[in-house]
Protein backbone atom coordinates (compact mmCIF):
# COMPACT_ATOMS: atom_id res chain seq x y z
CA MET A 1 -15.41 -16.59 -3.98
CA GLU A 2 -14.09 -20.08 -4.78
CA ILE A 3 -10.39 -20.67 -4.09
CA SER A 4 -9.73 -21.58 -7.73
CA THR A 5 -11.33 -18.32 -8.85
CA LEU A 6 -9.32 -16.38 -6.29
CA ALA A 7 -6.14 -18.08 -7.47
CA THR A 8 -6.87 -17.07 -11.07
CA TYR A 9 -7.64 -13.49 -10.07
CA HIS A 10 -4.56 -13.13 -7.88
CA CYS A 11 -2.36 -14.66 -10.58
CA LEU A 12 -3.67 -12.24 -13.20
CA ALA A 13 -3.29 -9.28 -10.83
CA PHE A 14 0.30 -10.32 -10.07
CA VAL A 15 1.11 -10.59 -13.79
CA TRP A 16 -0.50 -7.20 -14.42
CA TYR A 17 1.47 -5.40 -11.71
CA PHE A 18 4.69 -7.13 -12.71
CA PHE A 19 4.12 -5.98 -16.28
CA VAL A 20 3.35 -2.39 -15.25
CA ALA A 21 6.38 -2.24 -12.94
CA TYR A 22 8.55 -3.69 -15.69
CA SER A 23 7.21 -1.14 -18.18
CA ILE A 24 7.92 1.91 -16.03
CA THR A 25 11.37 0.72 -14.97
CA HIS A 26 12.37 0.14 -18.58
CA VAL A 27 11.57 3.59 -19.95
CA LYS A 28 14.52 4.35 -22.22
CA THR A 29 17.08 6.55 -20.47
CA GLU A 30 17.66 8.75 -23.50
CA GLU A 31 13.96 9.63 -23.64
CA ARG A 32 13.73 10.86 -20.06
CA PRO A 33 13.43 14.62 -19.50
CA SER A 34 16.56 16.05 -17.93
CA GLU A 35 14.76 17.21 -14.77
CA VAL A 36 13.31 13.77 -14.06
CA PHE A 37 14.85 10.46 -12.94
CA LEU A 38 17.94 11.88 -11.29
CA TYR A 39 19.57 10.21 -8.28
CA GLY A 40 17.63 7.13 -7.22
CA GLY A 41 15.99 6.63 -10.59
CA GLN A 42 12.34 5.64 -10.47
CA TRP A 43 12.85 4.13 -7.03
CA LYS A 44 12.36 7.48 -5.35
CA TYR A 45 8.73 7.69 -6.49
CA LEU A 46 6.04 6.32 -4.21
CA THR A 47 4.03 5.34 -7.30
CA VAL A 48 6.74 2.97 -8.54
CA LEU A 49 7.40 1.55 -5.08
CA ASN A 50 3.67 0.92 -4.79
CA LEU A 51 3.71 -1.10 -8.03
CA VAL A 52 6.37 -3.36 -6.56
CA LEU A 53 4.42 -3.59 -3.31
CA GLN A 54 1.25 -4.62 -5.15
CA ALA A 55 3.13 -7.21 -7.21
CA VAL A 56 4.57 -8.71 -4.02
CA PHE A 57 1.16 -8.71 -2.35
CA TYR A 58 -0.61 -10.45 -5.23
CA GLY A 59 2.25 -12.91 -5.55
CA VAL A 60 1.89 -13.81 -1.87
CA SER A 61 -1.90 -14.02 -2.30
CA PHE A 62 -1.54 -16.37 -5.26
CA LEU A 63 0.86 -18.56 -3.28
CA ALA A 64 -1.65 -18.73 -0.41
CA ASP A 65 -4.41 -19.76 -2.84
CA VAL A 66 -2.25 -22.49 -4.37
CA LEU A 67 -1.33 -23.88 -0.94
CA ARG A 68 -5.01 -24.02 -0.01
CA LEU A 69 -5.84 -25.77 -3.29
CA ILE A 70 -3.27 -28.49 -2.69
CA LYS A 71 -4.37 -28.82 0.97
CA LYS A 72 -1.10 -27.60 2.49
CA LEU A 73 -3.06 -25.84 5.19
CA ARG A 74 -0.26 -25.52 7.74
CA CYS A 75 1.96 -23.66 5.26
CA ALA A 76 -1.03 -21.75 3.92
CA LYS A 77 -1.86 -20.38 7.37
CA CYS A 78 1.51 -18.62 7.66
CA ILE A 79 1.32 -17.23 4.12
CA ILE A 80 -2.24 -16.02 4.68
CA SER A 81 -1.12 -14.14 7.79
CA SER A 82 1.58 -12.42 5.73
CA ARG A 83 -0.93 -11.68 2.97
CA ASP A 84 -3.39 -10.07 5.36
CA LEU A 85 -0.70 -8.00 7.06
CA LEU A 86 0.62 -6.77 3.71
CA PHE A 87 -2.84 -5.82 2.51
CA SER A 88 -4.14 -4.16 5.65
CA VAL A 89 -1.03 -2.18 6.62
CA LEU A 90 0.44 -1.34 3.20
CA ALA A 91 -1.27 -2.49 0.00
CA PHE A 92 -4.67 -0.89 0.61
CA PRO A 93 -3.70 2.39 2.31
CA VAL A 94 -0.73 3.08 0.02
CA SER A 95 -2.59 2.37 -3.24
CA THR A 96 -5.52 4.52 -2.07
CA PHE A 97 -3.16 7.32 -1.07
CA VAL A 98 -1.29 7.15 -4.39
CA CYS A 99 -4.48 7.38 -6.45
CA ILE A 100 -6.30 10.10 -4.51
CA SER A 101 -3.29 12.31 -3.70
CA PHE A 102 -1.92 12.11 -7.25
CA TRP A 103 -5.13 13.05 -9.01
CA THR A 104 -5.94 15.76 -6.45
CA LEU A 105 -2.57 17.44 -7.01
CA TYR A 106 -2.65 16.74 -10.75
CA THR A 107 -6.00 18.52 -11.01
CA TYR A 108 -4.72 21.47 -8.97
CA ASN A 109 -1.39 21.83 -10.80
CA ARG A 110 0.08 18.86 -12.62
CA GLU A 111 3.55 20.41 -12.75
CA LEU A 112 3.83 19.82 -9.00
CA VAL A 113 3.69 16.02 -9.35
CA TYR A 114 3.71 15.00 -13.03
CA PRO A 115 5.33 17.57 -15.36
CA LYS A 116 3.86 17.83 -18.85
CA SER A 117 7.24 16.78 -20.25
CA LEU A 118 6.47 13.25 -19.03
CA ASP A 119 3.63 12.93 -21.53
CA GLY A 120 6.15 12.22 -24.26
CA VAL A 121 7.89 9.57 -22.16
CA ILE A 122 5.14 7.73 -20.27
CA PRO A 123 2.12 6.68 -22.37
CA LEU A 124 -1.37 7.55 -21.12
CA TRP A 125 -2.29 3.93 -20.39
CA LEU A 126 0.77 3.54 -18.17
CA ASN A 127 -0.06 6.71 -16.26
CA HIS A 128 -3.54 5.36 -15.50
CA ALA A 129 -2.17 1.91 -14.69
CA MET A 130 0.10 3.47 -12.07
CA HIS A 131 -2.21 6.12 -10.64
CA THR A 132 -5.81 5.11 -11.37
CA ALA A 133 -6.21 1.33 -11.60
CA VAL A 134 -4.52 0.77 -8.23
CA LEU A 135 -7.61 1.93 -6.35
CA PRO A 136 -10.19 -0.33 -8.10
CA PHE A 137 -7.82 -3.27 -7.59
CA ALA A 138 -7.61 -2.50 -3.86
CA LEU A 139 -11.38 -2.21 -3.52
CA LEU A 140 -11.93 -5.41 -5.49
CA GLU A 141 -9.58 -7.23 -3.14
CA ILE A 142 -11.69 -6.19 -0.16
CA LEU A 143 -14.82 -7.43 -1.94
CA ALA A 144 -13.16 -10.69 -2.98
CA LEU A 145 -12.31 -12.04 0.47
CA PRO A 146 -12.01 -10.99 4.12
CA HIS A 147 -8.65 -9.99 5.57
CA ARG A 148 -7.60 -10.24 9.19
CA TYR A 149 -6.37 -6.86 10.42
CA PRO A 150 -3.68 -6.70 13.12
CA ALA A 151 -4.23 -4.98 16.45
CA LYS A 152 -4.71 -1.27 15.74
CA LYS A 153 -1.55 -0.22 17.61
CA LYS A 154 0.59 -2.77 15.77
CA GLY A 155 -0.86 -1.84 12.40
CA LEU A 156 -0.33 1.89 12.87
CA ILE A 157 3.22 1.41 14.19
CA LEU A 158 4.14 -0.64 11.11
CA LEU A 159 2.51 1.86 8.76
CA GLY A 160 4.22 4.78 10.51
CA PHE A 161 7.59 3.02 10.34
CA VAL A 162 7.29 2.46 6.58
CA ALA A 163 6.21 6.09 6.11
CA PHE A 164 9.26 7.20 8.13
CA LEU A 165 11.54 5.12 5.90
CA TYR A 166 10.12 6.68 2.74
CA ILE A 167 10.35 10.24 4.09
CA SER A 168 13.94 9.54 5.13
CA TRP A 169 14.67 8.30 1.59
CA VAL A 170 13.16 11.50 0.13
CA LEU A 171 15.21 13.71 2.45
CA TRP A 172 18.38 11.73 1.72
CA ILE A 173 17.91 12.23 -2.03
CA TYR A 174 17.50 15.97 -1.48
CA SER A 175 20.64 16.11 0.68
CA VAL A 176 22.64 14.39 -2.08
CA THR A 177 21.24 16.08 -5.19
CA GLY A 178 19.71 19.34 -3.98
CA GLU A 179 16.57 18.35 -5.93
CA TRP A 180 13.24 17.34 -4.46
CA VAL A 181 11.59 14.11 -5.56
CA TYR A 182 8.43 16.12 -6.31
CA PRO A 183 8.53 19.81 -7.34
CA LEU A 184 5.73 20.38 -4.83
CA PHE A 185 8.15 20.07 -1.92
CA ALA A 186 10.17 23.08 -3.09
CA LEU A 187 7.20 25.32 -2.29
CA PHE A 188 7.44 24.66 1.45
CA SER A 189 9.62 26.06 4.19
CA PRO A 190 11.14 23.41 6.50
CA PRO A 191 8.29 23.77 9.05
CA GLY A 192 5.77 23.74 6.21
CA LEU A 193 7.29 20.60 4.74
CA ALA A 194 7.21 18.90 8.15
CA ALA A 195 3.53 19.85 8.43
CA PHE A 196 2.89 18.48 4.92
CA PHE A 197 4.53 15.16 5.77
CA ALA A 198 2.55 14.98 9.02
CA GLY A 199 -0.67 15.74 7.15
CA SER A 200 0.11 13.09 4.53
CA LEU A 201 0.71 10.55 7.29
CA ALA A 202 -2.64 11.49 8.85
CA VAL A 203 -4.35 10.95 5.48
CA ILE A 204 -2.77 7.54 4.91
CA ILE A 205 -3.74 6.52 8.46
CA ALA A 206 -7.30 7.55 7.61
CA PHE A 207 -7.14 5.27 4.55
CA TYR A 208 -5.89 2.45 6.79
CA ASN A 209 -8.90 2.95 9.05
CA PHE A 210 -11.20 3.18 6.05
CA GLY A 211 -9.94 -0.15 4.73
CA GLU A 212 -10.51 -1.76 8.12
CA PHE A 213 -14.01 -0.26 8.24
CA LEU A 214 -14.89 -1.59 4.77
CA ASN A 215 -13.54 -5.03 5.64
CA ARG A 216 -15.64 -5.10 8.82
CA MET A 217 -18.78 -3.78 7.12
CA ILE A 218 -18.60 -6.29 4.27
CA TRP A 219 -17.42 -9.36 6.14
CA GLY A 220 -18.40 -8.72 9.76
CA GLN A 221 -16.29 -9.01 12.87
CA SER A 222 -15.69 -12.73 12.86
CA LYS A 223 -15.57 -13.97 9.27
CA PHE A 224 -11.93 -14.23 8.26
CA SER A 225 -10.05 -16.40 5.79
CA SER A 226 -8.35 -19.41 7.25
């Protein structure tokens, strides 16, 4: 794909994610159901954090495209490295996890992750923007250009560290409020919850490996952006 086309795509994707993140963070307080948006506001939900992550990633990608267009290759090289690290370790696995885990649990019992009371607060298009569109965007990014993945050990350590931070944030919120971020967590005993978190980490690691596999299958071992 031509750099100018990539720049246009990344700019539009950045604007889209910024708009979606802005929309969900500006839901009127008085319209929120009482059992939702307690301590931590929307910032306790992985879905919302993922929107910010995607906006940052596409913003960095757009900056890299612009630097390549104006021939600032030395600066572009550093930004491209950051772009590829963001995509491989976080943007692809997290967006894939958000989409697949949300709709799996929603289909099983929506009250565990997205209570029906939210239908009157969050419009249908916004729900799909947060939980559905993130996966096609991630797949399109893999098709659009190759990304250099870090060494497997480094990538998994970074992913595991970010997962640890989010789990710690969830547990902190529970310790302060006595309420779980997702009603699903209340169904587990402490050992069961630990097993659930471990299983979720295993799934997101599988998505990391899947992204690396797709990147290698589409672009080969040696063709990377420069």
